[in-house]
């Protein structure tokens, strides 16, 4: 996995939390931040999906139609 170096500014309280978890879990701070962002992005993906489902102006496709379009012979 390629990595990039970032220079960010955080509230002191978050920095304190990161330092505390890093010491207690014996993990690098970058790993803790990366893991937290991964979880948050999963949450955002869910929020976007729910927003798109609620948007009545968007066309939605049913599950059966989805599989039919794929040509998948799935028992559903």
PDB file of N, CA and C in Angstrom:
ATOM      1  N   UNK A   1       0.844  -1.175   0.000  1.00  0.00           N
ATOM      2  CA  UNK A   1       0.000   0.000   0.000  1.00  0.00           C
ATOM      3  C   UNK A   1       0.889   1.236   0.000  1.00  0.00           C
ATOM      4  N   UNK A   2       0.622   2.146  -0.910  1.00  0.00           N
ATOM      5  CA  UNK A   2       1.354   3.405  -0.930  1.00  0.00           C
ATOM      6  C   UNK A   2       0.853   4.308   0.184  1.00  0.00           C
ATOM      7  N   UNK A   3       1.741   5.094   0.725  1.00  0.00           N
ATOM      8  CA  UNK A   3       1.355   6.021   1.782  1.00  0.00           C
ATOM      9  C   UNK A   3       1.782   7.430   1.412  1.00  0.00           C
ATOM     10  N   UNK A   4       1.148   8.398   2.037  1.00  0.00           N
ATOM     11  CA  UNK A   4       1.518   9.805   1.873  1.00  0.00           C
ATOM     12  C   UNK A   4       1.665  10.415   3.262  1.00  0.00           C
ATOM     13  N   UNK A   5       2.503  11.392   3.343  1.00  0.00           N
ATOM     14  CA  UNK A   5       2.694  12.102   4.604  1.00  0.00           C
ATOM     15  C   UNK A   5       1.800  13.334   4.589  1.00  0.00           C
ATOM     16  N   UNK A   6       1.029  13.522   5.667  1.00  0.00           N
ATOM     17  CA  UNK A   6       0.141  14.666   5.792  1.00  0.00           C
ATOM     18  C   UNK A   6       0.534  15.504   6.997  1.00  0.00           C
ATOM     19  N   UNK A   7       0.332  16.767   6.872  1.00  0.00           N
ATOM     20  CA  UNK A   7       0.515  17.676   7.997  1.00  0.00           C
ATOM     21  C   UNK A   7      -0.860  18.243   8.313  1.00  0.00           C
ATOM     22  N   UNK A   8      -1.430  17.836   9.455  1.00  0.00           N
ATOM     23  CA  UNK A   8      -2.785  18.240   9.804  1.00  0.00           C
ATOM     24  C   UNK A   8      -2.794  18.953  11.151  1.00  0.00           C
ATOM     25  N   UNK A   9      -3.864  19.684  11.380  1.00  0.00           N
ATOM     26  CA  UNK A   9      -4.073  20.348  12.656  1.00  0.00           C
ATOM     27  C   UNK A   9      -5.298  19.733  13.309  1.00  0.00           C
ATOM     28  N   UNK A  10      -5.138  19.313  14.563  1.00  0.00           N
ATOM     29  CA  UNK A  10      -6.228  18.687  15.309  1.00  0.00           C
ATOM     30  C   UNK A  10      -6.442  19.422  16.617  1.00  0.00           C
ATOM     31  N   UNK A  11      -7.648  19.352  17.154  1.00  0.00           N
ATOM     32  CA  UNK A  11      -7.851  19.870  18.505  1.00  0.00           C
ATOM     33  C   UNK A  11      -6.954  19.104  19.482  1.00  0.00           C
ATOM     34  N   UNK A  12      -6.497  19.781  20.493  1.00  0.00           N
ATOM     35  CA  UNK A  12      -5.599  19.169  21.465  1.00  0.00           C
ATOM     36  C   UNK A  12      -6.212  17.942  22.116  1.00  0.00           C
ATOM     37  N   UNK A  13      -7.521  17.972  22.346  1.00  0.00           N
ATOM     38  CA  UNK A  13      -8.180  16.834  22.995  1.00  0.00           C
ATOM     39  C   UNK A  13      -8.102  15.580  22.124  1.00  0.00           C
ATOM     40  N   UNK A  14      -8.236  15.728  20.794  1.00  0.00           N
ATOM     41  CA  UNK A  14      -8.095  14.573  19.908  1.00  0.00           C
ATOM     42  C   UNK A  14      -6.664  14.055  19.911  1.00  0.00           C
ATOM     43  N   UNK A  15      -5.735  14.954  19.896  1.00  0.00           N
ATOM     44  CA  UNK A  15      -4.331  14.550  19.948  1.00  0.00           C
ATOM     45  C   UNK A  15      -4.045  13.781  21.237  1.00  0.00           C
ATOM     46  N   UNK A  16      -4.593  14.247  22.339  1.00  0.00           N
ATOM     47  CA  UNK A  16      -4.420  13.548  23.617  1.00  0.00           C
ATOM     48  C   UNK A  16      -5.010  12.138  23.550  1.00  0.00           C
ATOM     49  N   UNK A  17      -6.197  12.018  22.953  1.00  0.00           N
ATOM     50  CA  UNK A  17      -6.833  10.701  22.814  1.00  0.00           C
ATOM     51  C   UNK A  17      -5.982   9.780  21.946  1.00  0.00           C
ATOM     52  N   UNK A  18      -5.498  10.296  20.840  1.00  0.00           N
ATOM     53  CA  UNK A  18      -4.664   9.481  19.945  1.00  0.00           C
ATOM     54  C   UNK A  18      -3.416   9.007  20.673  1.00  0.00           C
ATOM     55  N   UNK A  19      -2.771   9.899  21.393  1.00  0.00           N
ATOM     56  CA  UNK A  19      -1.573   9.525  22.147  1.00  0.00           C
ATOM     57  C   UNK A  19      -1.875   8.465  23.200  1.00  0.00           C
ATOM     58  N   UNK A  20      -2.996   8.634  23.886  1.00  0.00           N
ATOM     59  CA  UNK A  20      -3.378   7.685  24.942  1.00  0.00           C
ATOM     60  C   UNK A  20      -3.647   6.303  24.356  1.00  0.00           C
ATOM     61  N   UNK A  21      -4.435   6.252  23.286  1.00  0.00           N
ATOM     62  CA  UNK A  21      -4.729   4.957  22.661  1.00  0.00           C
ATOM     63  C   UNK A  21      -3.477   4.331  22.061  1.00  0.00           C
ATOM     64  N   UNK A  22      -2.630   5.151  21.497  1.00  0.00           N
ATOM     65  CA  UNK A  22      -1.390   4.657  20.896  1.00  0.00           C
ATOM     66  C   UNK A  22      -0.530   3.946  21.940  1.00  0.00           C
ATOM     67  N   UNK A  23      -0.391   4.575  23.094  1.00  0.00           N
ATOM     68  CA  UNK A  23       0.415   3.977  24.161  1.00  0.00           C
ATOM     69  C   UNK A  23      -0.233   2.707  24.702  1.00  0.00           C
ATOM     70  N   UNK A  24      -1.536   2.801  24.976  1.00  0.00           N
ATOM     71  CA  UNK A  24      -2.215   1.669  25.597  1.00  0.00           C
ATOM     72  C   UNK A  24      -2.293   0.462  24.667  1.00  0.00           C
ATOM     73  N   UNK A  25      -2.509   0.698  23.385  1.00  0.00           N
ATOM     74  CA  UNK A  25      -2.639  -0.399  22.421  1.00  0.00           C
ATOM     75  C   UNK A  25      -1.318  -0.767  21.759  1.00  0.00           C
ATOM     76  N   UNK A  26      -0.276   0.002  22.068  1.00  0.00           N
ATOM     77  CA  UNK A  26       1.038  -0.207  21.467  1.00  0.00           C
ATOM     78  C   UNK A  26       0.945  -0.204  19.932  1.00  0.00           C
ATOM     79  N   UNK A  27       0.227   0.800  19.421  1.00  0.00           N
ATOM     80  CA  UNK A  27       0.042   0.978  17.981  1.00  0.00           C
ATOM     81  C   UNK A  27       0.590   2.346  17.585  1.00  0.00           C
ATOM     82  N   UNK A  28       1.014   2.449  16.351  1.00  0.00           N
ATOM     83  CA  UNK A  28       1.453   3.747  15.854  1.00  0.00           C
ATOM     84  C   UNK A  28       0.248   4.668  15.742  1.00  0.00           C
ATOM     85  N   UNK A  29       0.493   5.943  15.983  1.00  0.00           N
ATOM     86  CA  UNK A  29      -0.589   6.916  15.881  1.00  0.00           C
ATOM     87  C   UNK A  29      -1.186   6.929  14.479  1.00  0.00           C
ATOM     88  N   UNK A  30      -0.344   6.784  13.468  1.00  0.00           N
ATOM     89  CA  UNK A  30      -0.849   6.786  12.093  1.00  0.00           C
ATOM     90  C   UNK A  30      -1.805   5.618  11.846  1.00  0.00           C
ATOM     91  N   UNK A  31      -1.537   4.474  12.475  1.00  0.00           N
ATOM     92  CA  UNK A  31      -2.431   3.322  12.333  1.00  0.00           C
ATOM     93  C   UNK A  31      -3.775   3.601  12.981  1.00  0.00           C
ATOM     94  N   UNK A  32      -3.766   4.210  14.137  1.00  0.00           N
ATOM     95  CA  UNK A  32      -5.015   4.533  14.839  1.00  0.00           C
ATOM     96  C   UNK A  32      -5.832   5.533  14.025  1.00  0.00           C
ATOM     97  N   UNK A  33      -5.179   6.555  13.501  1.00  0.00           N
ATOM     98  CA  UNK A  33      -5.879   7.558  12.699  1.00  0.00           C
ATOM     99  C   UNK A  33      -6.420   6.935  11.418  1.00  0.00           C
ATOM    100  N   UNK A  34      -5.624   6.120  10.756  1.00  0.00           N
ATOM    101  CA  UNK A  34      -6.049   5.460   9.525  1.00  0.00           C
ATOM    102  C   UNK A  34      -7.247   4.547   9.778  1.00  0.00           C
ATOM    103  N   UNK A  35      -7.198   3.786  10.850  1.00  0.00           N
ATOM    104  CA  UNK A  35      -8.309   2.888  11.188  1.00  0.00           C
ATOM    105  C   UNK A  35      -9.574   3.691  11.494  1.00  0.00           C
ATOM    106  N   UNK A  36      -9.415   4.777  12.219  1.00  0.00           N
ATOM    107  CA  UNK A  36     -10.571   5.619  12.558  1.00  0.00           C
ATOM    108  C   UNK A  36     -11.183   6.222  11.297  1.00  0.00           C
ATOM    109  N   UNK A  37     -10.349   6.661  10.381  1.00  0.00           N
ATOM    110  CA  UNK A  37     -10.862   7.232   9.133  1.00  0.00           C
ATOM    111  C   UNK A  37     -11.545   6.168   8.287  1.00  0.00           C
ATOM    112  N   UNK A  38     -10.997   4.962   8.240  1.00  0.00           N
ATOM    113  CA  UNK A  38     -11.643   3.873   7.507  1.00  0.00           C
ATOM    114  C   UNK A  38     -13.051   3.618   8.041  1.00  0.00           C
ATOM    115  N   UNK A  39     -13.181   3.564   9.368  1.00  0.00           N
ATOM    116  CA  UNK A  39     -14.492   3.334   9.967  1.00  0.00           C
ATOM    117  C   UNK A  39     -15.430   4.493   9.670  1.00  0.00           C
ATOM    118  N   UNK A  40     -14.922   5.712   9.733  1.00  0.00           N
ATOM    119  CA  UNK A  40     -15.763   6.881   9.474  1.00  0.00           C
ATOM    120  C   UNK A  40     -16.202   6.915   8.018  1.00  0.00           C
ATOM    121  N   UNK A  41     -15.327   6.552   7.091  1.00  0.00           N
ATOM    122  CA  UNK A  41     -15.703   6.532   5.683  1.00  0.00           C
ATOM    123  C   UNK A  41     -16.760   5.462   5.419  1.00  0.00           C
ATOM    124  N   UNK A  42     -16.700   4.331   6.122  1.00  0.00           N
ATOM    125  CA  UNK A  42     -17.759   3.323   6.019  1.00  0.00           C
ATOM    126  C   UNK A  42     -19.094   3.911   6.470  1.00  0.00           C
ATOM    127  N   UNK A  43     -19.060   4.674   7.553  1.00  0.00           N
ATOM    128  CA  UNK A  43     -20.260   5.339   8.061  1.00  0.00           C
ATOM    129  C   UNK A  43     -20.788   6.338   7.029  1.00  0.00           C
ATOM    130  N   UNK A  44     -19.888   7.122   6.424  1.00  0.00           N
ATOM    131  CA  UNK A  44     -20.309   8.087   5.416  1.00  0.00           C
ATOM    132  C   UNK A  44     -20.903   7.393   4.191  1.00  0.00           C
ATOM    133  N   UNK A  45     -20.335   6.270   3.786  1.00  0.00           N
ATOM    134  CA  UNK A  45     -20.893   5.500   2.674  1.00  0.00           C
ATOM    135  C   UNK A  45     -22.339   5.105   2.970  1.00  0.00           C
ATOM    136  N   UNK A  46     -22.601   4.671   4.184  1.00  0.00           N
ATOM    137  CA  UNK A  46     -23.952   4.300   4.580  1.00  0.00           C
ATOM    138  C   UNK A  46     -24.874   5.515   4.546  1.00  0.00           C
ATOM    139  N   UNK A  47     -24.388   6.644   5.058  1.00  0.00           N
ATOM    140  CA  UNK A  47     -25.198   7.864   5.044  1.00  0.00           C
ATOM    141  C   UNK A  47     -25.549   8.285   3.620  1.00  0.00           C
ATOM    142  N   UNK A  48     -24.585   8.207   2.707  1.00  0.00           N
ATOM    143  CA  UNK A  48     -24.835   8.558   1.315  1.00  0.00           C
ATOM    144  C   UNK A  48     -25.831   7.599   0.672  1.00  0.00           C
ATOM    145  N   UNK A  49     -25.698   6.319   0.953  1.00  0.00           N
ATOM    146  CA  UNK A  49     -26.623   5.336   0.402  1.00  0.00           C
ATOM    147  C   UNK A  49     -28.047   5.607   0.882  1.00  0.00           C
ATOM    148  N   UNK A  50     -28.209   5.897   2.170  1.00  0.00           N
ATOM    149  CA  UNK A  50     -29.536   6.187   2.708  1.00  0.00           C
ATOM    150  C   UNK A  50     -30.100   7.472   2.111  1.00  0.00           C
ATOM    151  N   UNK A  51     -29.255   8.464   1.912  1.00  0.00           N
ATOM    152  CA  UNK A  51     -29.692   9.730   1.302  1.00  0.00           C
ATOM    153  C   UNK A  51     -30.161   9.484  -0.131  1.00  0.00           C
ATOM    154  N   UNK A  52     -29.399   8.679  -0.875  1.00  0.00           N
ATOM    155  CA  UNK A  52     -29.770   8.390  -2.263  1.00  0.00           C
ATOM    156  C   UNK A  52     -31.068   7.593  -2.335  1.00  0.00           C
ATOM    157  N   UNK A  53     -31.264   6.663  -1.404  1.00  0.00           N
ATOM    158  CA  UNK A  53     -32.514   5.901  -1.385  1.00  0.00           C
ATOM    159  C   UNK A  53     -33.708   6.790  -1.079  1.00  0.00           C
ATOM    160  N   UNK A  54     -33.516   7.786  -0.242  1.00  0.00           N
ATOM    161  CA  UNK A  54     -34.602   8.685   0.143  1.00  0.00           C
ATOM    162  C   UNK A  54     -34.913   9.710  -0.949  1.00  0.00           C
ATOM    163  N   UNK A  55     -33.993   9.914  -1.882  1.00  0.00           N
ATOM    164  CA  UNK A  55     -34.172  10.904  -2.948  1.00  0.00           C
ATOM    165  C   UNK A  55     -35.127  10.337  -3.995  1.00  0.00           C
ATOM    166  N   UNK A  56     -36.353  10.842  -4.015  1.00  0.00           N
ATOM    167  CA  UNK A  56     -37.381  10.327  -4.922  1.00  0.00           C
ATOM    168  C   UNK A  56     -37.124  10.721  -6.368  1.00  0.00           C
ATOM    169  N   UNK A  57     -36.234  11.689  -6.608  1.00  0.00           N
ATOM    170  CA  UNK A  57     -35.938  12.091  -7.981  1.00  0.00           C
ATOM    171  C   UNK A  57     -34.952  11.133  -8.647  1.00  0.00           C
ATOM    172  N   UNK A  58     -34.303  10.290  -7.853  1.00  0.00           N
ATOM    173  CA  UNK A  58     -33.358   9.304  -8.387  1.00  0.00           C
ATOM    174  C   UNK A  58     -34.098   8.035  -8.777  1.00  0.00           C
ATOM    175  N   UNK A  59     -33.704   7.442  -9.890  1.00  0.00           N
ATOM    176  CA  UNK A  59     -34.285   6.167 -10.299  1.00  0.00           C
ATOM    177  C   UNK A  59     -33.610   5.052  -9.521  1.00  0.00           C
ATOM    178  N   UNK A  60     -34.431   4.163  -8.982  1.00  0.00           N
ATOM    179  CA  UNK A  60     -33.903   3.024  -8.238  1.00  0.00           C
ATOM    180  C   UNK A  60     -34.253   1.745  -8.975  1.00  0.00           C
ATOM    181  N   UNK A  61     -33.422   0.767  -8.817  1.00  0.00           N
ATOM    182  CA  UNK A  61     -33.655  -0.536  -9.443  1.00  0.00           C
ATOM    183  C   UNK A  61     -33.843  -1.575  -8.343  1.00  0.00           C
ATOM    184  N   UNK A  62     -34.842  -2.408  -8.510  1.00  0.00           N
ATOM    185  CA  UNK A  62     -35.114  -3.452  -7.528  1.00  0.00           C
ATOM    186  C   UNK A  62     -34.060  -4.552  -7.590  1.00  0.00           C
ATOM    187  N   UNK A  63     -33.993  -5.322  -6.532  1.00  0.00           N
ATOM    188  CA  UNK A  63     -32.989  -6.386  -6.432  1.00  0.00           C
ATOM    189  C   UNK A  63     -33.150  -7.417  -7.550  1.00  0.00           C
ATOM    190  N   UNK A  64     -34.382  -7.837  -7.802  1.00  0.00           N
ATOM    191  CA  UNK A  64     -34.608  -8.819  -8.854  1.00  0.00           C
ATOM    192  C   UNK A  64     -34.184  -8.281 -10.213  1.00  0.00           C
ATOM    193  N   UNK A  65     -34.539  -7.024 -10.492  1.00  0.00           N
ATOM    194  CA  UNK A  65     -34.143  -6.414 -11.766  1.00  0.00           C
ATOM    195  C   UNK A  65     -32.629  -6.291 -11.872  1.00  0.00           C
ATOM    196  N   UNK A  66     -31.993  -5.985 -10.759  1.00  0.00           N
ATOM    197  CA  UNK A  66     -30.533  -5.871 -10.734  1.00  0.00           C
ATOM    198  C   UNK A  66     -29.887  -7.186 -11.163  1.00  0.00           C
ATOM    199  N   UNK A  67     -30.335  -8.282 -10.558  1.00  0.00           N
ATOM    200  CA  UNK A  67     -29.772  -9.589 -10.909  1.00  0.00           C
ATOM    201  C   UNK A  67     -30.114  -9.979 -12.342  1.00  0.00           C
ATOM    202  N   UNK A  68     -31.333  -9.638 -12.772  1.00  0.00           N
ATOM    203  CA  UNK A  68     -31.728  -9.937 -14.144  1.00  0.00           C
ATOM    204  C   UNK A  68     -30.836  -9.194 -15.136  1.00  0.00           C
ATOM    205  N   UNK A  69     -30.545  -7.925 -14.864  1.00  0.00           N
ATOM    206  CA  UNK A  69     -29.678  -7.141 -15.758  1.00  0.00           C
ATOM    207  C   UNK A  69     -28.271  -7.716 -15.819  1.00  0.00           C
ATOM    208  N   UNK A  70     -27.826  -8.287 -14.698  1.00  0.00           N
ATOM    209  CA  UNK A  70     -26.501  -8.914 -14.675  1.00  0.00           C
ATOM    210  C   UNK A  70     -26.507 -10.268 -15.369  1.00  0.00           C
ATOM    211  N   UNK A  71     -27.694 -10.793 -15.588  1.00  0.00           N
ATOM    212  CA  UNK A  71     -27.786 -12.127 -16.155  1.00  0.00           C
ATOM    213  C   UNK A  71     -27.446 -13.189 -15.135  1.00  0.00           C
ATOM    214  N   UNK A  72     -27.574 -12.818 -13.891  1.00  0.00           N
ATOM    215  CA  UNK A  72     -27.228 -13.743 -12.809  1.00  0.00           C
ATOM    216  C   UNK A  72     -28.438 -14.631 -12.509  1.00  0.00           C
ATOM    217  N   UNK A  73     -28.184 -15.892 -12.442  1.00  0.00           N
ATOM    218  CA  UNK A  73     -29.223 -16.852 -12.092  1.00  0.00           C
ATOM    219  C   UNK A  73     -29.132 -17.091 -10.593  1.00  0.00           C
ATOM    220  N   UNK A  74     -29.718 -16.172  -9.842  1.00  0.00           N
ATOM    221  CA  UNK A  74     -29.609 -16.218  -8.384  1.00  0.00           C
ATOM    222  C   UNK A  74     -30.981 -16.500  -7.815  1.00  0.00           C
ATOM    223  N   UNK A  75     -31.040 -17.409  -6.880  1.00  0.00           N
ATOM    224  CA  UNK A  75     -32.279 -17.701  -6.177  1.00  0.00           C
ATOM    225  C   UNK A  75     -32.500 -16.602  -5.144  1.00  0.00           C
ATOM    226  N   UNK A  76     -33.532 -15.805  -5.346  1.00  0.00           N
ATOM    227  CA  UNK A  76     -33.818 -14.720  -4.410  1.00  0.00           C
ATOM    228  C   UNK A  76     -35.270 -14.638  -4.090  1.00  0.00           C
TER     229      UNK A  76
END
